[in-house]
Amino acid sequence: QVQLVESGGGLVQPGGSLRLSCAASGSIFSIYAMGWYRQAPGKQRELVAAITSSDITGGSTTNYTDSVKGRFTISRDNAKNAMYLQMNSLKPEDAAVYYCNADVSDSITLKPNYYWGQGTQVTVSS
C-alpha cells in the first residue's frame, strides 16, 4: 500500500507564506506525476500545480493554474519521495483544503495508481 501525508497547513495573514509538504510512503516502486489540488467550501476540487517525474537530466516540468502563477512554486525531492508547495503572497481566496495527489506504482503489482492524501487546511485571514 501507498500512503500520502500532507503537512504544513495553517492560519496565515493575507500576504503571508506557507510551505506545504507531501510525503509518500509504503511499498513504492516509482512515483510519476505529482500534483497539489485544493477544495474550498462549496466549490469543486481544482488542480493548483503539477510536476512531472524527472527526466534524464534530472529536471521536471511544472504547470500552475493561472490564479497562483508567480506566487506558488511546486517542487519535489525524489530521494525523499516528497513534494512541496511554496505559497507566497497568499490571498483570502487561496483558503481551502489542499490535497496531495500522486501517480505511483507500488512494488508489489508495479501498476500505477493515483493516490490522495487526507488534506491539510490553509486559512488566509487577518
N, C-alpha and C. Protein backbone atom coordinates (compact mmCIF):
# COMPACT_ATOMS: atom_id res chain seq x y z
N GLN A 1 0.83 -1.20 0.00
CA GLN A 1 0.00 0.00 0.00
C GLN A 1 0.86 1.24 0.00
N VAL A 2 0.28 2.30 -0.53
CA VAL A 2 0.97 3.58 -0.60
C VAL A 2 0.16 4.62 0.18
N GLN A 3 0.84 5.43 0.95
CA GLN A 3 0.18 6.49 1.69
C GLN A 3 0.81 7.84 1.34
N LEU A 4 -0.02 8.84 1.27
CA LEU A 4 0.43 10.21 1.09
C LEU A 4 -0.02 11.02 2.30
N VAL A 5 0.88 11.77 2.88
CA VAL A 5 0.55 12.56 4.06
C VAL A 5 1.00 14.00 3.83
N GLU A 6 0.03 14.92 3.93
CA GLU A 6 0.35 16.33 3.78
C GLU A 6 0.62 16.95 5.15
N SER A 7 1.38 18.02 5.15
CA SER A 7 1.61 18.80 6.35
C SER A 7 1.96 20.22 5.95
N GLY A 8 1.90 21.12 6.93
CA GLY A 8 2.32 22.49 6.67
C GLY A 8 1.19 23.50 6.56
N GLY A 9 -0.03 23.03 6.60
CA GLY A 9 -1.15 23.98 6.53
C GLY A 9 -1.28 24.76 7.82
N GLY A 10 -2.15 25.76 7.78
CA GLY A 10 -2.37 26.55 8.98
C GLY A 10 -3.03 27.87 8.66
N LEU A 11 -3.00 28.76 9.65
CA LEU A 11 -3.59 30.09 9.51
C LEU A 11 -2.49 31.10 9.19
N VAL A 12 -2.71 31.90 8.18
CA VAL A 12 -1.75 32.91 7.79
C VAL A 12 -2.49 34.17 7.39
N GLN A 13 -1.86 35.30 7.60
CA GLN A 13 -2.47 36.57 7.20
C GLN A 13 -2.31 36.78 5.69
N PRO A 14 -3.18 37.55 5.10
CA PRO A 14 -3.02 37.89 3.67
C PRO A 14 -1.63 38.47 3.41
N GLY A 15 -1.02 38.01 2.34
CA GLY A 15 0.33 38.42 2.03
C GLY A 15 1.40 37.53 2.62
N GLY A 16 1.01 36.63 3.48
CA GLY A 16 1.96 35.73 4.13
C GLY A 16 2.31 34.53 3.28
N SER A 17 3.09 33.64 3.87
CA SER A 17 3.59 32.46 3.15
C SER A 17 3.39 31.20 3.97
N LEU A 18 3.24 30.11 3.26
CA LEU A 18 3.21 28.78 3.86
C LEU A 18 3.94 27.82 2.92
N ARG A 19 4.47 26.77 3.49
CA ARG A 19 5.08 25.72 2.69
C ARG A 19 4.42 24.40 3.03
N LEU A 20 3.77 23.82 2.05
CA LEU A 20 3.13 22.53 2.24
C LEU A 20 4.09 21.42 1.83
N SER A 21 4.00 20.31 2.53
CA SER A 21 4.81 19.14 2.21
C SER A 21 3.89 17.94 2.02
N CYS A 22 4.32 17.05 1.15
CA CYS A 22 3.61 15.79 0.93
C CYS A 22 4.64 14.68 0.95
N ALA A 23 4.47 13.75 1.87
CA ALA A 23 5.39 12.64 2.00
C ALA A 23 4.71 11.34 1.58
N ALA A 24 5.32 10.65 0.66
CA ALA A 24 4.81 9.36 0.21
C ALA A 24 5.56 8.24 0.91
N SER A 25 4.84 7.22 1.32
CA SER A 25 5.47 6.09 1.99
C SER A 25 4.73 4.80 1.63
N GLY A 26 5.35 3.69 1.99
CA GLY A 26 4.74 2.40 1.71
C GLY A 26 5.54 1.64 0.68
N SER A 27 4.86 0.75 -0.01
CA SER A 27 5.51 -0.12 -0.99
C SER A 27 5.61 0.59 -2.34
N ILE A 28 6.55 1.53 -2.41
CA ILE A 28 6.69 2.37 -3.60
C ILE A 28 7.75 1.81 -4.53
N PHE A 29 7.36 1.65 -5.79
CA PHE A 29 8.33 1.30 -6.81
C PHE A 29 8.82 2.55 -7.52
N SER A 30 7.86 3.38 -7.95
CA SER A 30 8.21 4.61 -8.63
C SER A 30 7.06 5.61 -8.52
N ILE A 31 7.42 6.89 -8.44
CA ILE A 31 6.43 7.96 -8.40
C ILE A 31 6.54 8.76 -9.69
N TYR A 32 5.48 8.91 -10.36
CA TYR A 32 5.48 9.63 -11.63
C TYR A 32 5.00 11.05 -11.38
N ALA A 33 3.98 11.49 -12.06
CA ALA A 33 3.49 12.86 -11.88
C ALA A 33 2.90 13.04 -10.49
N MET A 34 3.07 14.25 -9.97
CA MET A 34 2.50 14.60 -8.67
C MET A 34 1.82 15.95 -8.80
N GLY A 35 0.90 16.20 -7.92
CA GLY A 35 0.19 17.47 -8.01
C GLY A 35 -0.45 17.89 -6.71
N TRP A 36 -0.73 19.16 -6.61
CA TRP A 36 -1.47 19.73 -5.48
C TRP A 36 -2.83 20.19 -5.98
N TYR A 37 -3.85 19.79 -5.28
CA TYR A 37 -5.22 20.21 -5.56
C TYR A 37 -5.73 20.95 -4.33
N ARG A 38 -6.79 21.72 -4.52
CA ARG A 38 -7.42 22.36 -3.37
C ARG A 38 -8.93 22.38 -3.57
N GLN A 39 -9.60 22.41 -2.46
CA GLN A 39 -11.06 22.46 -2.48
C GLN A 39 -11.55 23.40 -1.39
N ALA A 40 -12.21 24.46 -1.82
CA ALA A 40 -12.81 25.40 -0.89
C ALA A 40 -14.27 25.00 -0.65
N PRO A 41 -14.86 25.42 0.45
CA PRO A 41 -16.25 25.07 0.75
C PRO A 41 -17.19 25.46 -0.38
N GLY A 42 -18.01 24.52 -0.82
CA GLY A 42 -18.98 24.79 -1.87
C GLY A 42 -18.42 24.82 -3.27
N LYS A 43 -17.14 24.51 -3.39
CA LYS A 43 -16.51 24.54 -4.71
C LYS A 43 -15.94 23.17 -5.07
N GLN A 44 -15.72 22.98 -6.35
CA GLN A 44 -15.13 21.73 -6.81
C GLN A 44 -13.63 21.73 -6.53
N ARG A 45 -13.11 20.54 -6.38
CA ARG A 45 -11.66 20.42 -6.22
C ARG A 45 -10.99 20.83 -7.52
N GLU A 46 -9.92 21.62 -7.39
CA GLU A 46 -9.22 22.11 -8.58
C GLU A 46 -7.72 21.82 -8.48
N LEU A 47 -7.13 21.64 -9.64
CA LEU A 47 -5.68 21.43 -9.70
C LEU A 47 -4.99 22.78 -9.52
N VAL A 48 -4.10 22.84 -8.59
CA VAL A 48 -3.34 24.07 -8.32
C VAL A 48 -2.00 24.05 -9.05
N ALA A 49 -1.28 22.96 -8.92
CA ALA A 49 0.04 22.85 -9.53
C ALA A 49 0.37 21.38 -9.72
N ALA A 50 1.16 21.12 -10.75
CA ALA A 50 1.56 19.75 -11.03
C ALA A 50 3.01 19.73 -11.45
N ILE A 51 3.64 18.59 -11.23
CA ILE A 51 5.04 18.42 -11.58
C ILE A 51 5.24 17.02 -12.13
N THR A 52 5.96 16.92 -13.23
CA THR A 52 6.19 15.61 -13.85
C THR A 52 7.31 14.88 -13.12
N SER A 53 7.48 13.63 -13.47
CA SER A 53 8.62 12.90 -12.96
C SER A 53 9.88 13.45 -13.61
N SER A 54 11.01 13.18 -13.00
CA SER A 54 12.27 13.74 -13.50
C SER A 54 12.65 13.08 -14.81
N ASP A 55 13.20 13.90 -15.71
CA ASP A 55 13.67 13.34 -16.98
C ASP A 55 15.13 12.91 -16.83
N ILE A 56 15.75 12.59 -17.95
CA ILE A 56 17.10 12.04 -17.91
C ILE A 56 18.12 13.06 -17.37
N THR A 57 17.77 14.34 -17.48
CA THR A 57 18.67 15.37 -16.97
C THR A 57 18.41 15.68 -15.50
N GLY A 58 17.37 15.06 -14.94
CA GLY A 58 17.02 15.32 -13.55
C GLY A 58 16.02 16.44 -13.39
N GLY A 59 15.60 17.04 -14.49
CA GLY A 59 14.64 18.13 -14.42
C GLY A 59 13.21 17.65 -14.52
N SER A 60 12.29 18.47 -14.10
CA SER A 60 10.87 18.19 -14.18
C SER A 60 10.15 19.37 -14.81
N THR A 61 8.99 19.11 -15.33
CA THR A 61 8.15 20.16 -15.89
C THR A 61 7.04 20.48 -14.91
N THR A 62 6.77 21.75 -14.75
CA THR A 62 5.73 22.17 -13.82
C THR A 62 4.66 22.98 -14.55
N ASN A 63 3.48 22.96 -14.00
CA ASN A 63 2.45 23.85 -14.50
C ASN A 63 1.53 24.27 -13.36
N TYR A 64 0.92 25.42 -13.52
CA TYR A 64 0.14 26.05 -12.46
C TYR A 64 -1.17 26.58 -13.01
N THR A 65 -2.16 26.57 -12.15
CA THR A 65 -3.38 27.27 -12.52
C THR A 65 -3.09 28.77 -12.54
N ASP A 66 -3.79 29.49 -13.38
CA ASP A 66 -3.45 30.90 -13.61
C ASP A 66 -3.46 31.73 -12.33
N SER A 67 -4.36 31.43 -11.42
CA SER A 67 -4.53 32.28 -10.24
C SER A 67 -3.35 32.22 -9.27
N VAL A 68 -2.47 31.22 -9.43
CA VAL A 68 -1.33 31.11 -8.49
C VAL A 68 0.01 31.31 -9.18
N LYS A 69 0.01 31.53 -10.47
CA LYS A 69 1.28 31.71 -11.19
C LYS A 69 2.02 32.92 -10.63
N GLY A 70 3.30 32.73 -10.41
CA GLY A 70 4.12 33.79 -9.87
C GLY A 70 4.11 33.87 -8.36
N ARG A 71 3.20 33.15 -7.71
CA ARG A 71 3.12 33.17 -6.24
C ARG A 71 3.43 31.82 -5.62
N PHE A 72 3.06 30.74 -6.29
CA PHE A 72 3.28 29.40 -5.77
C PHE A 72 4.39 28.71 -6.56
N THR A 73 5.13 27.85 -5.89
CA THR A 73 6.17 27.07 -6.54
C THR A 73 6.06 25.63 -6.07
N ILE A 74 5.94 24.72 -7.04
CA ILE A 74 5.88 23.30 -6.73
C ILE A 74 7.26 22.70 -6.96
N SER A 75 7.63 21.77 -6.12
CA SER A 75 8.91 21.09 -6.28
C SER A 75 8.80 19.68 -5.71
N ARG A 76 9.81 18.86 -5.99
CA ARG A 76 9.80 17.50 -5.47
C ARG A 76 11.22 17.08 -5.14
N ASP A 77 11.31 16.15 -4.21
CA ASP A 77 12.58 15.56 -3.82
C ASP A 77 12.42 14.06 -4.00
N ASN A 78 12.93 13.54 -5.11
CA ASN A 78 12.71 12.13 -5.42
C ASN A 78 13.39 11.21 -4.40
N ALA A 79 14.49 11.63 -3.86
CA ALA A 79 15.20 10.80 -2.88
C ALA A 79 14.38 10.61 -1.61
N LYS A 80 13.53 11.59 -1.32
CA LYS A 80 12.71 11.53 -0.11
C LYS A 80 11.27 11.15 -0.41
N ASN A 81 10.96 10.89 -1.67
CA ASN A 81 9.57 10.63 -2.07
C ASN A 81 8.65 11.74 -1.56
N ALA A 82 9.07 12.97 -1.78
CA ALA A 82 8.34 14.10 -1.23
C ALA A 82 8.06 15.16 -2.29
N MET A 83 7.06 15.94 -2.01
CA MET A 83 6.68 17.05 -2.89
C MET A 83 6.35 18.24 -2.00
N TYR A 84 6.57 19.44 -2.53
CA TYR A 84 6.36 20.64 -1.73
C TYR A 84 5.58 21.68 -2.54
N LEU A 85 4.94 22.57 -1.83
CA LEU A 85 4.28 23.71 -2.46
C LEU A 85 4.60 24.93 -1.63
N GLN A 86 5.45 25.78 -2.16
CA GLN A 86 5.76 27.04 -1.51
C GLN A 86 4.73 28.06 -1.96
N MET A 87 4.01 28.60 -1.01
CA MET A 87 2.92 29.54 -1.31
C MET A 87 3.27 30.90 -0.72
N ASN A 88 3.44 31.87 -1.59
CA ASN A 88 3.76 33.23 -1.17
C ASN A 88 2.62 34.17 -1.55
N SER A 89 2.64 35.34 -0.93
CA SER A 89 1.62 36.36 -1.23
C SER A 89 0.22 35.78 -1.19
N LEU A 90 -0.06 35.07 -0.14
CA LEU A 90 -1.34 34.38 -0.04
C LEU A 90 -2.50 35.36 0.04
N LYS A 91 -3.59 34.96 -0.57
CA LYS A 91 -4.80 35.76 -0.63
C LYS A 91 -5.95 35.00 0.06
N PRO A 92 -6.95 35.70 0.51
CA PRO A 92 -8.09 35.00 1.14
C PRO A 92 -8.70 33.95 0.22
N GLU A 93 -8.66 34.19 -1.07
CA GLU A 93 -9.24 33.21 -2.00
C GLU A 93 -8.39 31.96 -2.16
N ASP A 94 -7.21 31.93 -1.58
CA ASP A 94 -6.39 30.72 -1.58
C ASP A 94 -6.79 29.76 -0.47
N ALA A 95 -7.63 30.21 0.43
CA ALA A 95 -8.04 29.37 1.55
C ALA A 95 -8.80 28.15 1.05
N ALA A 96 -8.40 27.00 1.51
CA ALA A 96 -9.01 25.74 1.06
C ALA A 96 -8.32 24.59 1.79
N VAL A 97 -8.86 23.41 1.58
CA VAL A 97 -8.14 22.21 1.97
C VAL A 97 -7.28 21.82 0.78
N TYR A 98 -6.00 21.65 1.02
CA TYR A 98 -5.05 21.30 -0.03
C TYR A 98 -4.73 19.81 0.05
N TYR A 99 -4.82 19.17 -1.12
CA TYR A 99 -4.61 17.73 -1.21
C TYR A 99 -3.41 17.42 -2.10
N CYS A 100 -2.68 16.43 -1.69
CA CYS A 100 -1.57 15.90 -2.47
C CYS A 100 -2.09 14.74 -3.31
N ASN A 101 -1.65 14.68 -4.54
CA ASN A 101 -2.03 13.59 -5.45
C ASN A 101 -0.80 13.10 -6.16
N ALA A 102 -0.68 11.79 -6.31
CA ALA A 102 0.50 11.25 -6.97
C ALA A 102 0.14 9.98 -7.74
N ASP A 103 0.79 9.83 -8.87
CA ASP A 103 0.68 8.64 -9.70
C ASP A 103 1.83 7.72 -9.30
N VAL A 104 1.50 6.62 -8.65
CA VAL A 104 2.53 5.79 -8.03
C VAL A 104 2.34 4.33 -8.45
N SER A 105 3.43 3.71 -8.81
CA SER A 105 3.39 2.25 -8.99
C SER A 105 3.97 1.61 -7.74
N ASP A 106 3.25 0.66 -7.19
CA ASP A 106 3.75 0.02 -5.97
C ASP A 106 4.67 -1.12 -6.33
N SER A 107 5.44 -1.52 -5.36
CA SER A 107 6.49 -2.51 -5.59
C SER A 107 5.96 -3.94 -5.67
N ILE A 108 4.67 -4.10 -5.45
CA ILE A 108 4.09 -5.44 -5.49
C ILE A 108 3.48 -5.72 -6.85
N THR A 109 2.64 -4.84 -7.31
CA THR A 109 1.96 -5.06 -8.58
C THR A 109 2.64 -4.34 -9.74
N LEU A 110 3.43 -3.31 -9.43
CA LEU A 110 4.09 -2.45 -10.42
C LEU A 110 3.09 -1.68 -11.28
N LYS A 111 1.82 -1.71 -10.92
CA LYS A 111 0.82 -0.99 -11.68
C LYS A 111 0.66 0.41 -11.12
N PRO A 112 0.61 1.41 -11.97
CA PRO A 112 0.44 2.78 -11.48
C PRO A 112 -1.00 3.03 -11.05
N ASN A 113 -1.15 3.77 -9.99
CA ASN A 113 -2.45 4.19 -9.50
C ASN A 113 -2.32 5.59 -8.93
N TYR A 114 -3.43 6.31 -8.94
CA TYR A 114 -3.41 7.63 -8.34
C TYR A 114 -3.80 7.51 -6.87
N TYR A 115 -3.04 8.18 -6.03
CA TYR A 115 -3.29 8.19 -4.60
C TYR A 115 -3.52 9.62 -4.14
N TRP A 116 -4.31 9.73 -3.06
CA TRP A 116 -4.61 11.03 -2.48
C TRP A 116 -4.19 11.05 -1.01
N GLY A 117 -3.77 12.22 -0.56
CA GLY A 117 -3.57 12.42 0.85
C GLY A 117 -4.87 12.83 1.51
N GLN A 118 -4.81 13.02 2.81
CA GLN A 118 -6.01 13.33 3.57
C GLN A 118 -6.35 14.82 3.56
N GLY A 119 -5.43 15.64 3.12
CA GLY A 119 -5.66 17.06 3.03
C GLY A 119 -5.13 17.84 4.21
N THR A 120 -4.76 19.08 3.96
CA THR A 120 -4.31 19.98 5.02
C THR A 120 -4.99 21.33 4.80
N GLN A 121 -5.50 21.90 5.89
CA GLN A 121 -6.27 23.13 5.80
C GLN A 121 -5.36 24.35 5.71
N VAL A 122 -5.65 25.21 4.76
CA VAL A 122 -4.98 26.50 4.66
C VAL A 122 -6.03 27.59 4.84
N THR A 123 -5.83 28.43 5.83
CA THR A 123 -6.74 29.53 6.12
C THR A 123 -5.99 30.85 5.96
N VAL A 124 -6.53 31.74 5.17
CA VAL A 124 -5.89 33.04 4.95
C VAL A 124 -6.85 34.11 5.45
N SER A 125 -6.48 34.70 6.55
CA SER A 125 -7.38 35.67 7.18
C SER A 125 -6.60 36.60 8.09
N SER A 126 -7.07 37.81 8.18
CA SER A 126 -6.46 38.77 9.10
C SER A 126 -7.19 38.76 10.44
